[in-house]
Protein backbone atom coordinates (compact mmCIF):
# COMPACT_ATOMS: atom_id res chain seq x y z
CA UNK A 1 4.16 24.25 -6.43
CA UNK A 2 2.99 20.75 -7.55
CA UNK A 3 0.51 18.04 -6.53
CA UNK A 4 1.80 14.73 -4.88
CA UNK A 5 -0.63 11.84 -5.32
CA UNK A 6 -0.38 9.27 -2.66
CA UNK A 7 -2.16 5.79 -2.98
CA UNK A 8 -2.45 2.63 -0.91
CA UNK A 9 -1.86 -0.83 -2.49
CA UNK A 10 -5.73 -1.42 -2.78
CA UNK A 11 -5.53 0.89 -5.80
CA UNK A 12 -3.76 -2.02 -7.66
CA UNK A 13 -1.09 0.37 -8.95
CA UNK A 14 2.21 -1.45 -9.43
CA UNK A 15 5.20 -0.05 -7.31
CA UNK A 16 7.28 0.14 -10.52
CA UNK A 17 4.44 2.43 -12.04
CA UNK A 18 4.10 4.54 -8.98
CA UNK A 19 7.93 5.06 -9.02
CA UNK A 20 7.88 5.94 -12.72
CA UNK A 21 5.07 8.50 -12.17
CA UNK A 22 6.25 9.90 -8.80
CA UNK A 23 3.08 8.59 -6.86
CA UNK A 24 3.59 7.77 -3.28
CA UNK A 25 2.89 4.12 -2.73
CA UNK A 26 1.65 2.99 0.87
CA UNK A 27 1.22 -0.88 1.00
CA UNK A 28 -1.46 -2.63 2.98
CA UNK A 29 -0.33 -5.31 5.27
CA UNK A 30 -1.28 -9.08 4.82
CA UNK A 31 -0.49 -11.59 7.60
CA UNK A 32 -0.46 -15.14 6.42
CA UNK A 33 0.78 -18.31 8.54
CA UNK A 34 2.36 -15.85 10.86
CA UNK A 35 4.35 -13.82 8.28
CA UNK A 36 3.58 -10.16 7.55
CA UNK A 37 3.86 -9.04 3.92
CA UNK A 38 3.58 -5.63 2.31
CA UNK A 39 1.15 -5.82 -0.48
CA UNK A 40 2.64 -5.28 -3.86
CA UNK A 41 6.27 -5.23 -2.42
CA UNK A 42 6.85 -8.55 -0.43
CA UNK A 43 3.87 -10.29 -2.19
CA UNK A 44 2.00 -10.00 -5.33
CA UNK A 45 -1.56 -11.41 -5.94
CA UNK A 46 -0.30 -14.59 -7.49
CA UNK A 47 2.00 -15.45 -4.71
CA UNK A 48 -0.66 -14.51 -2.23
CA UNK A 49 -3.27 -17.00 -3.63
CA UNK A 50 -0.64 -19.80 -3.73
CA UNK A 51 0.40 -19.18 -0.16
CA UNK A 52 -3.36 -19.01 0.99
CA UNK A 53 -3.98 -22.28 -0.77
CA UNK A 54 -0.99 -24.00 0.65
CA UNK A 55 -1.55 -22.88 4.02
CA UNK A 56 -5.28 -23.34 4.24
CA UNK A 57 -5.28 -20.51 6.80
CA UNK A 58 -7.37 -17.39 6.75
CA UNK A 59 -5.32 -14.32 5.94
CA UNK A 60 -5.55 -11.14 7.95
CA UNK A 61 -5.09 -7.71 6.63
CA UNK A 62 -4.15 -4.37 8.10
CA UNK A 63 -4.25 -0.84 7.04
CA UNK A 64 -1.38 1.17 6.35
CA UNK A 65 0.43 2.44 9.39
CA UNK A 66 -0.33 6.12 10.28
CA UNK A 67 3.19 6.87 10.64
CA UNK A 68 4.00 5.70 7.16
CA UNK A 69 1.36 8.05 5.82
CA UNK A 70 2.55 10.93 8.09
CA UNK A 71 6.05 10.56 6.83
CA UNK A 72 4.98 10.61 3.15
CA UNK A 73 2.80 13.78 3.98
CA UNK A 74 5.59 15.61 5.64
CA UNK A 75 8.02 14.85 2.77
CA UNK A 76 5.40 16.23 0.35
CA UNK A 77 4.86 19.30 2.18
CA UNK A 78 8.68 20.06 2.92
CA UNK A 79 8.81 19.85 -0.93
CA UNK A 80 6.17 22.45 -1.16
CA UNK A 81 3.57 20.06 -2.83
CA UNK A 82 -0.28 19.81 -2.13
CA UNK A 83 -1.17 16.16 -1.47
CA UNK A 84 -4.02 14.13 -2.77
CA UNK A 85 -4.47 10.65 -1.02
CA UNK A 86 -6.56 7.92 -2.67
CA UNK A 87 -7.29 4.89 -0.31
CA UNK A 88 -9.58 1.98 -0.04
CA UNK A 89 -12.91 2.99 1.46
CA UNK A 90 -14.09 1.42 4.71
CA UNK A 91 -17.09 -0.17 2.74
CA UNK A 92 -14.81 -1.94 0.45
CA UNK A 93 -12.18 -2.90 3.04
């Protein structure tokens, strides 16, 4: 049995690093100008700030979908792993 670490994108861990280290990566969502982006996958910080400035619109964010986390947990459990999840706190969100 091993331990599977799962983080959300608020951790600032890059997807490539998560993949190399076998860390589960769950992206937060950002909605800007009517388009939804997966943080760290569809958009990176520099692109976000460029789009934010160009659109002059307030961005909205959304937490990770519960079903996404559930699928990651189920996969880890099927593999016989224990799971540690590190996410953004409600106080920082």
